[in-house]
N, C-alpha and C. Protein backbone atom coordinates (compact mmCIF):
# COMPACT_ATOMS: atom_id res chain seq x y z
N UNK A 1 -38.64 29.01 17.09
CA UNK A 1 -38.80 30.38 16.64
C UNK A 1 -37.42 31.04 16.62
N UNK A 2 -36.98 31.53 15.47
CA UNK A 2 -35.66 32.11 15.33
C UNK A 2 -35.64 33.57 15.73
N UNK A 3 -34.43 34.08 15.84
CA UNK A 3 -34.27 35.49 16.14
C UNK A 3 -34.29 36.27 14.85
N UNK A 4 -34.93 37.41 14.88
CA UNK A 4 -34.99 38.23 13.67
C UNK A 4 -33.72 39.07 13.57
N UNK A 5 -33.35 39.42 12.35
CA UNK A 5 -32.16 40.21 12.13
C UNK A 5 -32.46 41.66 12.51
N UNK A 6 -31.60 42.22 13.33
CA UNK A 6 -31.78 43.58 13.82
C UNK A 6 -31.18 44.55 12.82
N UNK A 7 -31.97 45.56 12.46
CA UNK A 7 -31.48 46.57 11.54
C UNK A 7 -30.51 47.47 12.28
N UNK A 8 -29.32 47.69 11.70
CA UNK A 8 -28.30 48.49 12.36
C UNK A 8 -28.57 49.97 12.11
N UNK A 9 -29.22 50.60 13.08
CA UNK A 9 -29.41 52.04 13.05
C UNK A 9 -29.49 52.50 14.50
N UNK A 10 -29.30 53.79 14.69
CA UNK A 10 -29.28 54.32 16.05
C UNK A 10 -30.65 54.16 16.70
N UNK A 11 -30.64 53.76 17.96
CA UNK A 11 -31.87 53.62 18.73
C UNK A 11 -32.27 55.00 19.21
N UNK A 12 -33.51 55.40 18.93
CA UNK A 12 -33.97 56.74 19.27
C UNK A 12 -34.35 56.87 20.74
N UNK A 13 -34.96 55.84 21.31
CA UNK A 13 -35.43 55.88 22.69
C UNK A 13 -34.22 55.81 23.63
N UNK A 14 -34.06 56.82 24.50
CA UNK A 14 -32.88 56.89 25.37
C UNK A 14 -32.79 55.72 26.33
N UNK A 15 -33.91 55.31 26.93
CA UNK A 15 -33.83 54.21 27.89
C UNK A 15 -33.50 52.90 27.17
N UNK A 16 -34.08 52.68 26.00
CA UNK A 16 -33.76 51.48 25.23
C UNK A 16 -32.30 51.51 24.78
N UNK A 17 -31.82 52.71 24.47
CA UNK A 17 -30.42 52.86 24.05
C UNK A 17 -29.47 52.49 25.19
N UNK A 18 -29.78 52.93 26.40
CA UNK A 18 -28.93 52.62 27.55
C UNK A 18 -28.97 51.14 27.89
N UNK A 19 -30.16 50.51 27.78
CA UNK A 19 -30.27 49.07 28.03
C UNK A 19 -29.45 48.30 27.01
N UNK A 20 -29.56 48.69 25.74
CA UNK A 20 -28.81 48.03 24.67
C UNK A 20 -27.31 48.21 24.90
N UNK A 21 -26.89 49.42 25.27
CA UNK A 21 -25.47 49.67 25.54
C UNK A 21 -24.97 48.76 26.65
N UNK A 22 -25.74 48.67 27.73
CA UNK A 22 -25.33 47.86 28.87
C UNK A 22 -25.21 46.38 28.50
N UNK A 23 -26.22 45.86 27.80
CA UNK A 23 -26.21 44.44 27.42
C UNK A 23 -25.09 44.13 26.45
N UNK A 24 -24.93 44.97 25.44
CA UNK A 24 -23.89 44.71 24.44
C UNK A 24 -22.49 44.92 25.00
N UNK A 25 -22.34 45.89 25.89
CA UNK A 25 -21.04 46.09 26.55
C UNK A 25 -20.68 44.85 27.35
N UNK A 26 -21.63 44.35 28.12
CA UNK A 26 -21.36 43.15 28.92
C UNK A 26 -21.05 41.96 28.02
N UNK A 27 -21.77 41.84 26.89
CA UNK A 27 -21.50 40.75 25.95
C UNK A 27 -20.12 40.87 25.34
N UNK A 28 -19.72 42.10 25.01
CA UNK A 28 -18.40 42.32 24.43
C UNK A 28 -17.29 42.00 25.44
N UNK A 29 -17.51 42.38 26.69
CA UNK A 29 -16.53 42.08 27.74
C UNK A 29 -16.43 40.57 27.93
N UNK A 30 -17.56 39.89 27.88
CA UNK A 30 -17.56 38.42 28.02
C UNK A 30 -16.75 37.79 26.88
N UNK A 31 -16.99 38.25 25.66
CA UNK A 31 -16.25 37.72 24.51
C UNK A 31 -14.75 38.03 24.63
N UNK A 32 -14.41 39.21 25.10
CA UNK A 32 -13.00 39.58 25.27
C UNK A 32 -12.35 38.67 26.30
N UNK A 33 -13.06 38.39 27.39
CA UNK A 33 -12.53 37.50 28.44
C UNK A 33 -12.32 36.10 27.86
N UNK A 34 -13.30 35.61 27.09
CA UNK A 34 -13.18 34.27 26.48
C UNK A 34 -11.99 34.22 25.52
N UNK A 35 -11.84 35.26 24.70
CA UNK A 35 -10.73 35.31 23.75
C UNK A 35 -9.40 35.30 24.49
N UNK A 36 -9.32 36.03 25.57
CA UNK A 36 -8.10 36.09 26.37
C UNK A 36 -7.75 34.72 26.94
N UNK A 37 -8.74 34.03 27.48
CA UNK A 37 -8.49 32.73 28.11
C UNK A 37 -8.18 31.67 27.05
N UNK A 38 -8.99 31.61 26.00
CA UNK A 38 -8.83 30.57 24.99
C UNK A 38 -7.53 30.71 24.20
N UNK A 39 -7.16 31.92 23.86
CA UNK A 39 -6.01 32.13 22.98
C UNK A 39 -4.78 32.66 23.70
N UNK A 40 -4.87 32.87 25.01
CA UNK A 40 -3.75 33.34 25.81
C UNK A 40 -3.17 34.63 25.23
N UNK A 41 -4.06 35.62 25.02
CA UNK A 41 -3.65 36.91 24.49
C UNK A 41 -4.06 38.01 25.47
N UNK A 42 -3.40 39.15 25.35
CA UNK A 42 -3.78 40.31 26.15
C UNK A 42 -4.90 41.05 25.41
N UNK A 43 -5.98 41.32 26.12
CA UNK A 43 -7.12 42.01 25.54
C UNK A 43 -7.46 43.20 26.42
N UNK A 44 -7.72 44.33 25.79
CA UNK A 44 -8.14 45.52 26.52
C UNK A 44 -9.33 46.12 25.79
N UNK A 45 -10.35 46.48 26.53
CA UNK A 45 -11.53 47.11 25.94
C UNK A 45 -11.85 48.35 26.76
N UNK A 46 -12.09 49.45 26.08
CA UNK A 46 -12.43 50.71 26.73
C UNK A 46 -13.74 51.21 26.14
N UNK A 47 -14.68 51.57 26.99
CA UNK A 47 -15.98 52.07 26.55
C UNK A 47 -16.27 53.39 27.26
N UNK A 48 -16.83 54.33 26.54
CA UNK A 48 -17.35 55.55 27.13
C UNK A 48 -18.83 55.60 26.81
N UNK A 49 -19.64 55.72 27.86
CA UNK A 49 -21.08 55.79 27.64
C UNK A 49 -21.44 57.14 27.05
N UNK A 50 -22.70 57.29 26.71
CA UNK A 50 -23.20 58.53 26.14
C UNK A 50 -22.98 59.69 27.11
N UNK A 51 -23.05 59.38 28.38
CA UNK A 51 -22.88 60.40 29.42
C UNK A 51 -21.41 60.59 29.81
N UNK A 52 -20.51 59.86 29.16
CA UNK A 52 -19.09 60.03 29.40
C UNK A 52 -18.51 59.14 30.48
N UNK A 53 -19.30 58.18 30.97
CA UNK A 53 -18.80 57.28 32.01
C UNK A 53 -17.87 56.25 31.37
N UNK A 54 -16.75 55.97 32.06
CA UNK A 54 -15.74 55.06 31.54
C UNK A 54 -15.99 53.64 32.03
N UNK A 55 -15.94 52.68 31.10
CA UNK A 55 -16.00 51.25 31.41
C UNK A 55 -14.79 50.63 30.74
N UNK A 56 -14.14 49.72 31.44
CA UNK A 56 -12.97 49.09 30.84
C UNK A 56 -12.85 47.64 31.27
N UNK A 57 -12.15 46.88 30.43
CA UNK A 57 -11.80 45.50 30.75
C UNK A 57 -10.38 45.28 30.28
N UNK A 58 -9.59 44.62 31.09
CA UNK A 58 -8.22 44.31 30.71
C UNK A 58 -7.87 42.92 31.21
N UNK A 59 -7.37 42.08 30.34
CA UNK A 59 -7.01 40.73 30.73
C UNK A 59 -5.60 40.68 31.32
N UNK A 60 -4.79 41.69 31.03
CA UNK A 60 -3.42 41.73 31.55
C UNK A 60 -3.43 42.32 32.95
N UNK A 61 -2.23 42.48 33.51
CA UNK A 61 -2.12 43.03 34.86
C UNK A 61 -2.61 44.47 34.93
N UNK A 62 -2.32 45.27 33.89
CA UNK A 62 -2.76 46.66 33.92
C UNK A 62 -3.10 47.13 32.51
N UNK A 63 -4.03 48.06 32.45
CA UNK A 63 -4.43 48.66 31.18
C UNK A 63 -3.25 49.44 30.60
N UNK A 64 -2.46 50.07 31.46
CA UNK A 64 -1.32 50.86 31.00
C UNK A 64 -0.32 49.99 30.25
N UNK A 65 -0.12 48.76 30.72
CA UNK A 65 0.81 47.83 30.05
C UNK A 65 0.32 47.51 28.64
N UNK A 66 -0.96 47.22 28.49
CA UNK A 66 -1.52 46.89 27.17
C UNK A 66 -1.46 48.10 26.25
N UNK A 67 -1.78 49.27 26.77
CA UNK A 67 -1.73 50.49 25.96
C UNK A 67 -0.30 50.82 25.54
N UNK A 68 0.65 50.56 26.42
CA UNK A 68 2.05 50.79 26.08
C UNK A 68 2.49 49.84 24.96
N UNK A 69 2.06 48.58 25.03
CA UNK A 69 2.36 47.62 23.96
C UNK A 69 1.78 48.11 22.64
N UNK A 70 0.55 48.58 22.70
CA UNK A 70 -0.11 49.09 21.50
C UNK A 70 0.65 50.28 20.92
N UNK A 71 1.01 51.22 21.77
CA UNK A 71 1.71 52.42 21.32
C UNK A 71 3.05 52.07 20.69
N UNK A 72 3.80 51.17 21.32
CA UNK A 72 5.10 50.79 20.75
C UNK A 72 4.93 50.07 19.43
N UNK A 73 3.87 49.28 19.28
CA UNK A 73 3.60 48.57 18.02
C UNK A 73 3.27 49.56 16.91
N UNK A 74 2.44 50.55 17.23
CA UNK A 74 2.07 51.56 16.23
C UNK A 74 3.29 52.34 15.78
N UNK A 75 4.14 52.73 16.73
CA UNK A 75 5.35 53.48 16.38
C UNK A 75 6.31 52.65 15.54
N UNK A 76 6.44 51.36 15.87
CA UNK A 76 7.35 50.52 15.09
C UNK A 76 6.82 50.30 13.67
N UNK A 77 5.51 50.25 13.51
CA UNK A 77 4.95 50.09 12.16
C UNK A 77 5.13 51.36 11.34
N UNK A 78 5.09 52.51 12.00
CA UNK A 78 5.31 53.77 11.28
C UNK A 78 6.75 53.85 10.80
N UNK A 79 7.69 53.38 11.62
CA UNK A 79 9.10 53.43 11.26
C UNK A 79 9.42 52.46 10.12
N UNK A 80 8.99 51.23 10.23
CA UNK A 80 9.27 50.21 9.21
C UNK A 80 8.10 50.11 8.26
N UNK A 81 8.05 50.97 7.27
CA UNK A 81 6.89 51.05 6.38
C UNK A 81 7.07 50.15 5.17
N UNK A 82 7.67 48.95 5.34
CA UNK A 82 7.82 48.00 4.24
C UNK A 82 6.51 47.26 4.03
N UNK A 83 6.54 46.30 3.12
CA UNK A 83 5.37 45.48 2.89
C UNK A 83 5.45 44.29 3.83
N UNK A 84 5.22 44.55 5.13
CA UNK A 84 5.26 43.49 6.12
C UNK A 84 3.87 43.01 6.41
N UNK A 85 3.73 41.77 6.61
CA UNK A 85 2.49 41.12 7.01
C UNK A 85 1.25 41.92 6.65
N UNK A 86 0.87 41.83 5.39
CA UNK A 86 -0.30 42.57 4.91
C UNK A 86 -1.57 42.20 5.66
N UNK A 87 -1.63 40.99 6.16
CA UNK A 87 -2.85 40.56 6.85
C UNK A 87 -3.08 41.39 8.11
N UNK A 88 -2.01 41.68 8.87
CA UNK A 88 -2.21 42.47 10.10
C UNK A 88 -2.56 43.91 9.77
N UNK A 89 -2.00 44.43 8.70
CA UNK A 89 -2.31 45.81 8.34
C UNK A 89 -3.64 45.93 7.62
N UNK A 90 -3.99 44.95 6.82
CA UNK A 90 -5.17 45.04 5.95
C UNK A 90 -6.14 43.92 6.25
N UNK A 91 -6.59 43.85 7.45
CA UNK A 91 -7.48 42.77 7.88
C UNK A 91 -8.88 42.94 7.33
N UNK A 92 -9.82 42.21 7.90
CA UNK A 92 -11.20 42.20 7.41
C UNK A 92 -11.95 43.48 7.72
N UNK A 93 -11.33 44.43 8.41
CA UNK A 93 -12.03 45.64 8.78
C UNK A 93 -12.08 46.67 7.66
N UNK A 94 -11.39 46.44 6.54
CA UNK A 94 -11.39 47.40 5.45
C UNK A 94 -12.68 47.32 4.66
N UNK A 95 -13.08 48.47 4.11
CA UNK A 95 -14.22 48.49 3.21
C UNK A 95 -13.72 48.02 1.84
N UNK A 96 -14.64 47.78 0.93
CA UNK A 96 -14.26 47.29 -0.39
C UNK A 96 -13.41 48.32 -1.13
N UNK A 97 -13.77 49.59 -1.03
CA UNK A 97 -12.98 50.61 -1.74
C UNK A 97 -11.57 50.72 -1.15
N UNK A 98 -11.46 50.63 0.19
CA UNK A 98 -10.15 50.67 0.82
C UNK A 98 -9.32 49.46 0.41
N UNK A 99 -9.96 48.30 0.32
CA UNK A 99 -9.27 47.09 -0.09
C UNK A 99 -8.74 47.24 -1.52
N UNK A 100 -9.57 47.79 -2.41
CA UNK A 100 -9.13 47.97 -3.79
C UNK A 100 -7.97 48.97 -3.89
N UNK A 101 -8.03 50.04 -3.07
CA UNK A 101 -6.93 51.01 -3.07
C UNK A 101 -5.65 50.35 -2.56
N UNK A 102 -5.78 49.51 -1.52
CA UNK A 102 -4.62 48.83 -0.97
C UNK A 102 -4.01 47.90 -2.00
N UNK A 103 -4.85 47.12 -2.65
CA UNK A 103 -4.35 46.20 -3.67
C UNK A 103 -3.66 46.98 -4.78
N UNK A 104 -4.28 48.07 -5.21
CA UNK A 104 -3.68 48.89 -6.26
C UNK A 104 -2.34 49.47 -5.85
N UNK A 105 -2.27 49.98 -4.62
CA UNK A 105 -1.02 50.59 -4.17
C UNK A 105 0.07 49.54 -3.96
N UNK A 106 -0.29 48.35 -3.51
CA UNK A 106 0.70 47.31 -3.27
C UNK A 106 1.26 46.74 -4.58
N UNK A 107 0.50 46.83 -5.65
CA UNK A 107 0.94 46.24 -6.91
C UNK A 107 1.58 47.25 -7.86
N UNK A 108 1.79 48.48 -7.39
CA UNK A 108 2.46 49.47 -8.24
C UNK A 108 3.91 49.06 -8.44
N UNK A 109 4.53 49.56 -9.48
CA UNK A 109 5.88 49.15 -9.90
C UNK A 109 6.93 49.17 -8.79
N UNK A 110 7.13 50.25 -8.02
CA UNK A 110 8.25 50.24 -7.06
C UNK A 110 8.11 49.18 -5.97
N UNK A 111 6.90 48.79 -5.61
CA UNK A 111 6.68 47.86 -4.51
C UNK A 111 6.55 46.41 -4.96
N UNK A 112 6.38 46.17 -6.22
CA UNK A 112 6.04 44.83 -6.69
C UNK A 112 7.13 43.81 -6.36
N UNK A 113 8.39 44.22 -6.30
CA UNK A 113 9.47 43.29 -5.97
C UNK A 113 9.48 42.91 -4.51
N UNK A 114 8.93 43.75 -3.63
CA UNK A 114 8.96 43.51 -2.20
C UNK A 114 7.82 42.62 -1.71
N UNK A 115 6.84 42.36 -2.55
CA UNK A 115 5.68 41.58 -2.13
C UNK A 115 5.99 40.10 -2.24
N UNK A 116 5.73 39.39 -1.16
CA UNK A 116 5.98 37.95 -1.18
C UNK A 116 4.77 37.22 -1.74
N UNK A 117 4.95 35.95 -2.05
CA UNK A 117 3.86 35.13 -2.58
C UNK A 117 2.76 34.99 -1.53
N UNK A 118 3.16 34.88 -0.27
CA UNK A 118 2.17 34.76 0.81
C UNK A 118 1.32 36.03 0.90
N UNK A 119 1.99 37.20 0.76
CA UNK A 119 1.25 38.46 0.81
C UNK A 119 0.27 38.57 -0.36
N UNK A 120 0.72 38.14 -1.55
CA UNK A 120 -0.18 38.15 -2.70
C UNK A 120 -1.35 37.19 -2.50
N UNK A 121 -1.07 36.04 -1.87
CA UNK A 121 -2.15 35.09 -1.57
C UNK A 121 -3.16 35.69 -0.62
N UNK A 122 -2.67 36.43 0.38
CA UNK A 122 -3.58 37.09 1.33
C UNK A 122 -4.41 38.17 0.63
N UNK A 123 -3.76 38.94 -0.24
CA UNK A 123 -4.51 39.94 -1.00
C UNK A 123 -5.58 39.28 -1.86
N UNK A 124 -5.23 38.17 -2.49
CA UNK A 124 -6.19 37.45 -3.32
C UNK A 124 -7.36 36.96 -2.47
N UNK A 125 -7.05 36.46 -1.28
CA UNK A 125 -8.11 35.98 -0.38
C UNK A 125 -9.06 37.11 0.00
N UNK A 126 -8.49 38.28 0.33
CA UNK A 126 -9.32 39.42 0.69
C UNK A 126 -10.21 39.87 -0.47
N UNK A 127 -9.62 39.90 -1.68
CA UNK A 127 -10.40 40.31 -2.85
C UNK A 127 -11.52 39.30 -3.13
N UNK A 128 -11.21 38.01 -3.02
CA UNK A 128 -12.24 36.99 -3.26
C UNK A 128 -13.35 37.08 -2.22
N UNK A 129 -12.98 37.31 -0.95
CA UNK A 129 -13.98 37.46 0.10
C UNK A 129 -14.86 38.68 -0.16
N UNK A 130 -14.23 39.78 -0.54
CA UNK A 130 -14.99 40.99 -0.84
C UNK A 130 -15.91 40.76 -2.03
N UNK A 131 -15.43 40.05 -3.03
CA UNK A 131 -16.24 39.76 -4.21
C UNK A 131 -17.43 38.88 -3.85
N UNK A 132 -17.22 37.88 -2.99
CA UNK A 132 -18.34 37.02 -2.56
C UNK A 132 -19.37 37.85 -1.78
N UNK A 133 -18.90 38.77 -0.93
CA UNK A 133 -19.82 39.62 -0.19
C UNK A 133 -20.63 40.50 -1.13
N UNK A 134 -19.96 41.07 -2.12
CA UNK A 134 -20.66 41.92 -3.09
C UNK A 134 -21.70 41.10 -3.85
N UNK A 135 -21.32 39.90 -4.28
CA UNK A 135 -22.26 39.05 -5.02
C UNK A 135 -23.46 38.67 -4.16
N UNK A 136 -23.22 38.32 -2.89
CA UNK A 136 -24.35 37.93 -2.03
C UNK A 136 -25.25 39.13 -1.77
N UNK A 137 -24.66 40.32 -1.60
CA UNK A 137 -25.48 41.53 -1.41
C UNK A 137 -26.29 41.81 -2.67
N UNK A 138 -25.66 41.67 -3.83
CA UNK A 138 -26.36 41.89 -5.10
C UNK A 138 -27.52 40.91 -5.25
N UNK A 139 -27.27 39.63 -4.92
CA UNK A 139 -28.31 38.61 -5.02
C UNK A 139 -29.46 38.92 -4.08
N UNK A 140 -29.15 39.34 -2.87
CA UNK A 140 -30.19 39.68 -1.89
C UNK A 140 -31.03 40.85 -2.38
N UNK A 141 -30.37 41.88 -2.91
CA UNK A 141 -31.09 43.04 -3.41
C UNK A 141 -31.99 42.65 -4.58
N UNK A 142 -31.47 41.81 -5.47
CA UNK A 142 -32.27 41.38 -6.62
C UNK A 142 -33.46 40.52 -6.18
N UNK A 143 -33.25 39.63 -5.19
CA UNK A 143 -34.36 38.79 -4.71
C UNK A 143 -35.41 39.65 -4.02
N UNK A 144 -34.95 40.63 -3.23
CA UNK A 144 -35.89 41.53 -2.58
C UNK A 144 -36.70 42.31 -3.61
N UNK A 145 -36.02 42.79 -4.65
CA UNK A 145 -36.71 43.54 -5.70
C UNK A 145 -37.71 42.65 -6.43
N UNK A 146 -37.33 41.40 -6.68
CA UNK A 146 -38.23 40.48 -7.36
C UNK A 146 -39.45 40.18 -6.51
N UNK A 147 -39.26 39.93 -5.22
CA UNK A 147 -40.41 39.65 -4.36
C UNK A 147 -41.30 40.88 -4.23
N UNK A 148 -40.70 42.07 -4.22
CA UNK A 148 -41.48 43.30 -4.17
C UNK A 148 -42.32 43.45 -5.44
N UNK A 149 -41.71 43.16 -6.58
CA UNK A 149 -42.45 43.23 -7.84
C UNK A 149 -43.57 42.19 -7.90
N UNK A 150 -43.33 41.00 -7.35
CA UNK A 150 -44.38 39.98 -7.32
C UNK A 150 -45.54 40.41 -6.43
N UNK A 151 -45.22 41.05 -5.32
CA UNK A 151 -46.27 41.57 -4.44
C UNK A 151 -47.08 42.63 -5.17
N UNK A 152 -46.41 43.53 -5.89
CA UNK A 152 -47.11 44.57 -6.65
C UNK A 152 -47.98 43.94 -7.73
N UNK A 153 -47.45 42.89 -8.39
CA UNK A 153 -48.23 42.20 -9.42
C UNK A 153 -49.49 41.58 -8.82
N UNK A 154 -49.35 40.92 -7.67
CA UNK A 154 -50.51 40.32 -7.01
C UNK A 154 -51.52 41.39 -6.62
N UNK A 155 -51.04 42.52 -6.12
CA UNK A 155 -51.93 43.60 -5.73
C UNK A 155 -52.67 44.15 -6.94
N UNK A 156 -51.96 44.31 -8.06
CA UNK A 156 -52.60 44.80 -9.29
C UNK A 156 -53.61 43.79 -9.82
N UNK A 157 -53.31 42.49 -9.70
CA UNK A 157 -54.27 41.46 -10.12
C UNK A 157 -55.55 41.54 -9.29
N UNK A 158 -55.39 41.75 -7.99
CA UNK A 158 -56.56 41.89 -7.11
C UNK A 158 -57.38 43.12 -7.49
N UNK A 159 -56.69 44.23 -7.76
CA UNK A 159 -57.39 45.44 -8.18
C UNK A 159 -58.13 45.21 -9.50
N UNK A 160 -57.48 44.49 -10.42
CA UNK A 160 -58.10 44.20 -11.71
C UNK A 160 -59.37 43.38 -11.51
N UNK A 161 -59.30 42.35 -10.64
CA UNK A 161 -60.49 41.54 -10.34
C UNK A 161 -61.60 42.40 -9.77
N UNK A 162 -61.22 43.26 -8.83
CA UNK A 162 -62.20 44.12 -8.18
C UNK A 162 -62.88 45.03 -9.21
N UNK A 163 -62.08 45.65 -10.09
CA UNK A 163 -62.64 46.53 -11.11
C UNK A 163 -63.50 45.75 -12.11
N UNK A 164 -63.09 44.52 -12.47
CA UNK A 164 -63.90 43.69 -13.36
C UNK A 164 -65.25 43.36 -12.72
N UNK A 165 -65.25 43.08 -11.41
CA UNK A 165 -66.51 42.81 -10.71
C UNK A 165 -67.40 44.04 -10.73
N UNK A 166 -66.80 45.22 -10.55
CA UNK A 166 -67.58 46.46 -10.59
C UNK A 166 -68.17 46.67 -11.97
N UNK A 167 -67.32 46.43 -13.01
CA UNK A 167 -67.79 46.60 -14.39
C UNK A 167 -68.91 45.60 -14.69
N UNK A 168 -68.74 44.35 -14.27
CA UNK A 168 -69.78 43.33 -14.49
C UNK A 168 -71.06 43.71 -13.76
N UNK A 169 -70.89 44.24 -12.55
CA UNK A 169 -72.05 44.69 -11.78
C UNK A 169 -72.77 45.81 -12.49
N UNK A 170 -72.01 46.75 -13.07
CA UNK A 170 -72.62 47.85 -13.81
C UNK A 170 -73.33 47.34 -15.06
N UNK A 171 -72.74 46.36 -15.76
CA UNK A 171 -73.37 45.80 -16.96
C UNK A 171 -74.69 45.13 -16.60
N UNK A 172 -74.68 44.36 -15.49
CA UNK A 172 -75.90 43.68 -15.05
C UNK A 172 -76.96 44.70 -14.67
N UNK A 173 -76.53 45.77 -14.01
CA UNK A 173 -77.47 46.81 -13.61
C UNK A 173 -78.07 47.48 -14.83
N UNK A 174 -77.25 47.73 -15.86
CA UNK A 174 -77.76 48.36 -17.09
C UNK A 174 -78.73 47.42 -17.80
N UNK A 175 -78.42 46.11 -17.84
CA UNK A 175 -79.32 45.14 -18.49
C UNK A 175 -80.65 45.10 -17.76
N UNK A 176 -80.60 45.08 -16.41
CA UNK A 176 -81.85 45.07 -15.63
C UNK A 176 -82.64 46.33 -15.89
N UNK A 177 -81.93 47.48 -15.99
CA UNK A 177 -82.62 48.74 -16.24
C UNK A 177 -83.26 48.72 -17.62
N UNK A 178 -82.55 48.19 -18.62
CA UNK A 178 -83.10 48.11 -19.98
C UNK A 178 -84.31 47.19 -19.97
N UNK A 179 -84.21 46.04 -19.27
CA UNK A 179 -85.34 45.10 -19.21
C UNK A 179 -86.52 45.76 -18.50
N UNK A 180 -86.24 46.47 -17.42
CA UNK A 180 -87.32 47.14 -16.69
C UNK A 180 -87.94 48.23 -17.56
N UNK A 181 -87.08 49.01 -18.27
CA UNK A 181 -87.58 50.06 -19.16
C UNK A 181 -88.42 49.45 -20.27
N UNK A 182 -87.97 48.30 -20.82
CA UNK A 182 -88.73 47.62 -21.90
C UNK A 182 -90.08 47.15 -21.35
N UNK A 183 -90.07 46.61 -20.13
CA UNK A 183 -91.32 46.14 -19.52
C UNK A 183 -92.28 47.31 -19.28
N UNK A 184 -91.73 48.42 -18.84
CA UNK A 184 -92.57 49.57 -18.57
C UNK A 184 -93.15 50.12 -19.88
N UNK A 185 -92.36 50.20 -20.93
CA UNK A 185 -92.84 50.69 -22.22
C UNK A 185 -93.81 49.69 -22.84
N UNK A 186 -93.60 48.39 -22.61
CA UNK A 186 -94.51 47.39 -23.18
C UNK A 186 -95.84 47.43 -22.43
N UNK A 187 -95.80 47.69 -21.14
CA UNK A 187 -97.03 47.75 -20.35
C UNK A 187 -97.77 49.05 -20.62
N UNK A 188 -97.04 50.06 -20.90
CA UNK A 188 -97.64 51.38 -21.01
C UNK A 188 -98.25 51.65 -22.29
């Protein structure tokens, strides 16, 4: 028996919401710990519950050290605004529209000389991935619509059968009434 796909929407029940938060937070911390050990990277995760309680995980010696690394990295990227490593700046977290804007802005005339072949290859990979996602979503929507229409067709066929049975029943009743009326008039 497989697991069903969970619809991503806010959980209305507060107790269920807190249970889900606790389980998923623990799962995320477990994954962060595994990533840290397997890849020898510094990982920091910060969570604030609905009630404002702080939960954190840090694989390094201190959270302050990881946050300082992050801050210095962000500042250095702001200073050097060249076309450096597009993959780190434009990872899989972008939406399709953001990806298209990025591709458009990177390929404008003043920047086109600064883009390396590797960066163009990464952009191509992102566009192809986004296109495959769009196609699979389109296919899913079309299959769902087709199955919905088939269900409606089956339901209408059942209704048609039901109405035909009613009509046939009415015809039989009318014939019996005519036969009974004929018998009564013939006897009378």
